[in-house]
Amino acid sequence: MSTQSPQYPEFTFFSRFVDDILAGRKTITIRDESEAHWQPGQRLSLFTNPEQQPFGDIEVLSVKPVAFDALSEEHARQENMTLAELKQVIRDIYPALPPLYVIEFRLIER
């Protein structure tokens, strides 16, 4: 197997989140329904977006729907940002505010 091939299904994050994920400061991600099909216990290989650089693996702990208006300080803490920052990031990525899902994960050691 090539070192470039993911060990698990591929999952991407913007490069700005890599340090927080690797340090354990970011333990959730909020995505739209196109990325809500993952199952608890499933492992995913992480890559930067758009550079496609591998940077680790995670295990999905849970996938739960969340309304934009129900986002809380706890969600923001798990994203390692303020609630205002979190809502702005989501608006930037998903301007139409589609149904959203909180994917909780933990970094796994290779």
N, C-alpha and C. Protein backbone atom coordinates (compact mmCIF):
# COMPACT_ATOMS: atom_id res chain seq x y z
N MET A 1 0.84 -1.18 0.00
CA MET A 1 0.00 0.00 0.00
C MET A 1 0.89 1.25 0.00
N SER A 2 0.57 2.20 -0.84
CA SER A 2 1.32 3.45 -0.92
C SER A 2 1.10 4.28 0.34
N THR A 3 2.10 5.07 0.71
CA THR A 3 1.96 5.93 1.89
C THR A 3 0.94 7.03 1.63
N GLN A 4 0.60 7.28 0.38
CA GLN A 4 -0.38 8.32 0.05
C GLN A 4 -1.82 7.82 0.18
N SER A 5 -2.02 6.51 0.19
CA SER A 5 -3.37 5.96 0.27
C SER A 5 -3.89 6.02 1.70
N PRO A 6 -5.11 6.50 1.86
CA PRO A 6 -5.64 6.51 3.22
C PRO A 6 -5.86 5.10 3.75
N GLN A 7 -5.61 4.94 5.04
CA GLN A 7 -5.84 3.65 5.68
C GLN A 7 -7.34 3.43 5.87
N TYR A 8 -8.06 4.53 6.07
CA TYR A 8 -9.50 4.53 6.31
C TYR A 8 -10.15 5.47 5.30
N PRO A 9 -11.49 5.53 5.28
CA PRO A 9 -12.13 6.50 4.38
C PRO A 9 -11.58 7.91 4.66
N GLU A 10 -11.51 8.70 3.61
CA GLU A 10 -10.92 10.04 3.70
C GLU A 10 -11.90 11.06 4.27
N PHE A 11 -11.39 11.94 5.14
CA PHE A 11 -12.18 13.01 5.75
C PHE A 11 -11.31 14.24 5.78
N THR A 12 -11.83 15.38 5.31
CA THR A 12 -10.98 16.57 5.20
C THR A 12 -11.37 17.66 6.19
N PHE A 13 -10.35 18.45 6.54
CA PHE A 13 -10.50 19.65 7.37
C PHE A 13 -9.69 20.75 6.72
N PHE A 14 -10.16 21.98 6.87
CA PHE A 14 -9.35 23.11 6.43
C PHE A 14 -8.04 23.10 7.23
N SER A 15 -6.96 23.49 6.57
CA SER A 15 -5.62 23.45 7.18
C SER A 15 -5.56 24.20 8.50
N ARG A 16 -6.34 25.26 8.64
CA ARG A 16 -6.27 26.07 9.87
C ARG A 16 -6.69 25.30 11.11
N PHE A 17 -7.37 24.15 10.94
CA PHE A 17 -7.83 23.37 12.08
C PHE A 17 -6.87 22.25 12.49
N VAL A 18 -5.84 22.00 11.71
CA VAL A 18 -4.95 20.86 11.94
C VAL A 18 -4.32 20.90 13.34
N ASP A 19 -3.73 22.02 13.72
CA ASP A 19 -3.05 22.09 15.02
C ASP A 19 -4.01 21.82 16.17
N ASP A 20 -5.22 22.38 16.11
CA ASP A 20 -6.20 22.16 17.18
C ASP A 20 -6.63 20.70 17.26
N ILE A 21 -6.79 20.05 16.11
CA ILE A 21 -7.17 18.63 16.10
C ILE A 21 -6.05 17.79 16.70
N LEU A 22 -4.83 18.02 16.23
CA LEU A 22 -3.69 17.22 16.71
C LEU A 22 -3.42 17.44 18.20
N ALA A 23 -3.75 18.63 18.71
CA ALA A 23 -3.53 18.93 20.13
C ALA A 23 -4.72 18.53 21.01
N GLY A 24 -5.78 18.01 20.38
CA GLY A 24 -6.95 17.60 21.16
C GLY A 24 -7.84 18.75 21.59
N ARG A 25 -7.62 19.95 21.02
CA ARG A 25 -8.46 21.10 21.38
C ARG A 25 -9.74 21.14 20.57
N LYS A 26 -9.77 20.49 19.42
CA LYS A 26 -10.95 20.43 18.56
C LYS A 26 -11.41 18.97 18.54
N THR A 27 -12.60 18.72 19.09
CA THR A 27 -13.08 17.33 19.24
C THR A 27 -14.42 17.09 18.55
N ILE A 28 -14.93 18.13 17.86
CA ILE A 28 -16.13 17.96 17.04
C ILE A 28 -15.92 18.71 15.73
N THR A 29 -16.76 18.38 14.77
CA THR A 29 -16.87 19.17 13.55
C THR A 29 -18.34 19.24 13.21
N ILE A 30 -18.76 20.32 12.62
CA ILE A 30 -20.16 20.49 12.25
C ILE A 30 -20.22 20.50 10.73
N ARG A 31 -20.98 19.56 10.19
CA ARG A 31 -21.03 19.37 8.74
C ARG A 31 -22.48 19.29 8.28
N ASP A 32 -22.67 19.35 6.96
CA ASP A 32 -24.02 19.20 6.42
C ASP A 32 -24.32 17.71 6.22
N GLU A 33 -25.53 17.42 5.72
CA GLU A 33 -25.95 16.01 5.65
C GLU A 33 -25.12 15.18 4.68
N SER A 34 -24.39 15.82 3.76
CA SER A 34 -23.56 15.04 2.83
C SER A 34 -22.42 14.33 3.57
N GLU A 35 -22.11 14.77 4.80
CA GLU A 35 -21.05 14.15 5.58
C GLU A 35 -21.57 13.58 6.90
N ALA A 36 -22.87 13.32 6.97
CA ALA A 36 -23.48 12.85 8.22
C ALA A 36 -23.70 11.33 8.23
N HIS A 37 -23.14 10.63 7.26
CA HIS A 37 -23.37 9.18 7.14
C HIS A 37 -22.38 8.34 7.93
N TRP A 38 -21.39 8.96 8.54
CA TRP A 38 -20.41 8.20 9.32
C TRP A 38 -21.07 7.57 10.53
N GLN A 39 -20.51 6.48 11.00
CA GLN A 39 -21.08 5.73 12.13
C GLN A 39 -20.13 5.74 13.32
N PRO A 40 -20.68 5.76 14.55
CA PRO A 40 -19.81 5.66 15.73
C PRO A 40 -18.93 4.41 15.63
N GLY A 41 -17.66 4.59 15.97
CA GLY A 41 -16.70 3.49 15.88
C GLY A 41 -15.94 3.47 14.57
N GLN A 42 -16.46 4.17 13.57
CA GLN A 42 -15.79 4.21 12.27
C GLN A 42 -14.53 5.06 12.37
N ARG A 43 -13.49 4.62 11.69
CA ARG A 43 -12.23 5.36 11.67
C ARG A 43 -12.08 6.04 10.32
N LEU A 44 -11.52 7.26 10.36
CA LEU A 44 -11.36 8.05 9.15
C LEU A 44 -9.93 8.60 9.09
N SER A 45 -9.37 8.64 7.89
CA SER A 45 -8.05 9.23 7.68
C SER A 45 -8.24 10.71 7.36
N LEU A 46 -7.46 11.55 8.03
CA LEU A 46 -7.61 13.00 7.89
C LEU A 46 -6.66 13.57 6.85
N PHE A 47 -7.21 14.51 6.07
CA PHE A 47 -6.44 15.22 5.05
C PHE A 47 -6.82 16.69 5.11
N THR A 48 -5.84 17.55 4.74
CA THR A 48 -6.13 18.97 4.68
C THR A 48 -6.90 19.28 3.41
N ASN A 49 -7.70 20.34 3.49
CA ASN A 49 -8.47 20.82 2.36
C ASN A 49 -8.01 22.25 2.12
N PRO A 50 -7.52 22.59 0.95
CA PRO A 50 -7.55 21.83 -0.30
C PRO A 50 -6.25 21.09 -0.62
N GLU A 51 -5.24 21.16 0.25
CA GLU A 51 -3.92 20.64 -0.11
C GLU A 51 -3.82 19.12 -0.19
N GLN A 52 -4.77 18.43 0.46
CA GLN A 52 -4.78 16.96 0.47
C GLN A 52 -3.56 16.36 1.15
N GLN A 53 -3.07 17.02 2.21
CA GLN A 53 -1.95 16.49 2.98
C GLN A 53 -2.51 15.63 4.13
N PRO A 54 -2.04 14.38 4.28
CA PRO A 54 -2.53 13.55 5.38
C PRO A 54 -1.99 14.07 6.72
N PHE A 55 -2.82 13.99 7.77
CA PHE A 55 -2.31 14.44 9.07
C PHE A 55 -2.81 13.63 10.26
N GLY A 56 -3.39 12.46 10.04
CA GLY A 56 -3.78 11.64 11.18
C GLY A 56 -5.04 10.86 10.92
N ASP A 57 -5.51 10.20 11.97
CA ASP A 57 -6.73 9.40 11.90
C ASP A 57 -7.60 9.73 13.10
N ILE A 58 -8.91 9.62 12.90
CA ILE A 58 -9.85 9.82 14.00
C ILE A 58 -10.81 8.64 14.07
N GLU A 59 -11.44 8.50 15.24
CA GLU A 59 -12.54 7.57 15.41
C GLU A 59 -13.79 8.40 15.67
N VAL A 60 -14.85 8.12 14.94
CA VAL A 60 -16.12 8.82 15.13
C VAL A 60 -16.76 8.31 16.42
N LEU A 61 -17.13 9.24 17.31
CA LEU A 61 -17.79 8.87 18.56
C LEU A 61 -19.30 8.99 18.45
N SER A 62 -19.78 10.02 17.73
CA SER A 62 -21.22 10.19 17.55
C SER A 62 -21.48 11.14 16.39
N VAL A 63 -22.67 11.03 15.83
CA VAL A 63 -23.15 11.93 14.78
C VAL A 63 -24.57 12.30 15.17
N LYS A 64 -24.80 13.59 15.46
CA LYS A 64 -26.11 14.03 15.94
C LYS A 64 -26.55 15.29 15.20
N PRO A 65 -27.83 15.34 14.82
CA PRO A 65 -28.32 16.57 14.18
C PRO A 65 -28.30 17.74 15.17
N VAL A 66 -28.08 18.93 14.65
CA VAL A 66 -28.12 20.13 15.49
C VAL A 66 -28.66 21.29 14.64
N ALA A 67 -29.57 22.04 15.21
CA ALA A 67 -30.06 23.24 14.53
C ALA A 67 -29.06 24.37 14.72
N PHE A 68 -28.90 25.20 13.71
CA PHE A 68 -27.97 26.32 13.81
C PHE A 68 -28.25 27.15 15.06
N ASP A 69 -29.53 27.42 15.31
CA ASP A 69 -29.90 28.24 16.47
C ASP A 69 -29.68 27.53 17.80
N ALA A 70 -29.45 26.22 17.76
CA ALA A 70 -29.22 25.46 18.99
C ALA A 70 -27.73 25.30 19.30
N LEU A 71 -26.86 25.84 18.45
CA LEU A 71 -25.43 25.77 18.74
C LEU A 71 -25.15 26.49 20.05
N SER A 72 -24.29 25.90 20.86
CA SER A 72 -24.09 26.39 22.22
C SER A 72 -22.62 26.72 22.49
N GLU A 73 -22.39 27.30 23.65
CA GLU A 73 -21.02 27.56 24.10
C GLU A 73 -20.22 26.25 24.19
N GLU A 74 -20.90 25.16 24.55
CA GLU A 74 -20.23 23.85 24.62
C GLU A 74 -19.74 23.42 23.24
N HIS A 75 -20.59 23.58 22.21
CA HIS A 75 -20.14 23.28 20.85
C HIS A 75 -18.91 24.13 20.51
N ALA A 76 -18.98 25.41 20.83
CA ALA A 76 -17.87 26.31 20.53
C ALA A 76 -16.60 25.87 21.26
N ARG A 77 -16.74 25.46 22.52
CA ARG A 77 -15.57 25.00 23.28
C ARG A 77 -14.96 23.77 22.59
N GLN A 78 -15.80 22.85 22.14
CA GLN A 78 -15.31 21.64 21.48
C GLN A 78 -14.67 21.94 20.12
N GLU A 79 -15.03 23.08 19.54
CA GLU A 79 -14.42 23.53 18.28
C GLU A 79 -13.21 24.43 18.53
N ASN A 80 -12.94 24.74 19.80
CA ASN A 80 -11.85 25.63 20.21
C ASN A 80 -12.00 27.02 19.60
N MET A 81 -13.23 27.57 19.73
CA MET A 81 -13.49 28.95 19.30
C MET A 81 -14.66 29.50 20.11
N THR A 82 -14.94 30.78 19.94
CA THR A 82 -16.10 31.37 20.61
C THR A 82 -17.36 30.99 19.83
N LEU A 83 -18.51 31.14 20.46
CA LEU A 83 -19.77 30.83 19.78
C LEU A 83 -19.95 31.74 18.57
N ALA A 84 -19.61 33.01 18.70
CA ALA A 84 -19.73 33.94 17.57
C ALA A 84 -18.82 33.50 16.42
N GLU A 85 -17.59 33.08 16.74
CA GLU A 85 -16.67 32.60 15.70
C GLU A 85 -17.22 31.35 15.02
N LEU A 86 -17.74 30.42 15.84
CA LEU A 86 -18.28 29.18 15.30
C LEU A 86 -19.42 29.46 14.34
N LYS A 87 -20.35 30.32 14.75
CA LYS A 87 -21.50 30.62 13.88
C LYS A 87 -21.04 31.30 12.59
N GLN A 88 -20.02 32.15 12.67
CA GLN A 88 -19.52 32.81 11.47
C GLN A 88 -18.85 31.81 10.53
N VAL A 89 -18.06 30.88 11.09
CA VAL A 89 -17.40 29.86 10.26
C VAL A 89 -18.47 29.02 9.55
N ILE A 90 -19.51 28.64 10.27
CA ILE A 90 -20.57 27.83 9.65
C ILE A 90 -21.28 28.62 8.55
N ARG A 91 -21.56 29.89 8.82
CA ARG A 91 -22.20 30.74 7.78
C ARG A 91 -21.29 30.86 6.56
N ASP A 92 -19.97 30.96 6.79
CA ASP A 92 -19.04 31.08 5.66
C ASP A 92 -19.01 29.81 4.82
N ILE A 93 -19.03 28.66 5.48
CA ILE A 93 -18.94 27.38 4.78
C ILE A 93 -20.29 26.97 4.19
N TYR A 94 -21.36 27.21 4.94
CA TYR A 94 -22.71 26.79 4.53
C TYR A 94 -23.65 28.00 4.54
N PRO A 95 -23.53 28.91 3.56
CA PRO A 95 -24.35 30.13 3.58
C PRO A 95 -25.85 29.87 3.62
N ALA A 96 -26.32 28.77 3.04
CA ALA A 96 -27.75 28.47 3.02
C ALA A 96 -28.24 27.84 4.33
N LEU A 97 -27.30 27.57 5.25
CA LEU A 97 -27.62 26.93 6.53
C LEU A 97 -28.50 25.69 6.35
N PRO A 98 -27.95 24.66 5.70
CA PRO A 98 -28.68 23.40 5.53
C PRO A 98 -28.78 22.68 6.87
N PRO A 99 -29.48 21.53 6.92
CA PRO A 99 -29.46 20.73 8.15
C PRO A 99 -28.00 20.43 8.52
N LEU A 100 -27.69 20.60 9.79
CA LEU A 100 -26.32 20.43 10.27
C LEU A 100 -26.22 19.25 11.23
N TYR A 101 -25.02 18.69 11.31
CA TYR A 101 -24.75 17.54 12.17
C TYR A 101 -23.45 17.75 12.92
N VAL A 102 -23.47 17.41 14.20
CA VAL A 102 -22.25 17.46 15.01
C VAL A 102 -21.61 16.08 14.96
N ILE A 103 -20.40 16.02 14.47
CA ILE A 103 -19.64 14.77 14.45
C ILE A 103 -18.59 14.89 15.55
N GLU A 104 -18.76 14.08 16.59
CA GLU A 104 -17.79 14.07 17.69
C GLU A 104 -16.76 12.99 17.37
N PHE A 105 -15.49 13.30 17.64
CA PHE A 105 -14.43 12.35 17.29
C PHE A 105 -13.31 12.42 18.30
N ARG A 106 -12.46 11.39 18.22
CA ARG A 106 -11.22 11.40 18.99
C ARG A 106 -10.09 11.01 18.07
N LEU A 107 -8.95 11.66 18.27
CA LEU A 107 -7.75 11.35 17.50
C LEU A 107 -7.25 9.98 17.93
N ILE A 108 -6.84 9.15 16.98
CA ILE A 108 -6.31 7.84 17.34
C ILE A 108 -4.84 7.78 16.94
N GLU A 109 -4.09 7.08 17.73
CA GLU A 109 -2.66 6.91 17.46
C GLU A 109 -2.47 5.84 16.40
N ARG A 110 -1.55 6.06 15.50
CA ARG A 110 -1.26 5.06 14.46
C ARG A 110 -0.33 4.02 15.00
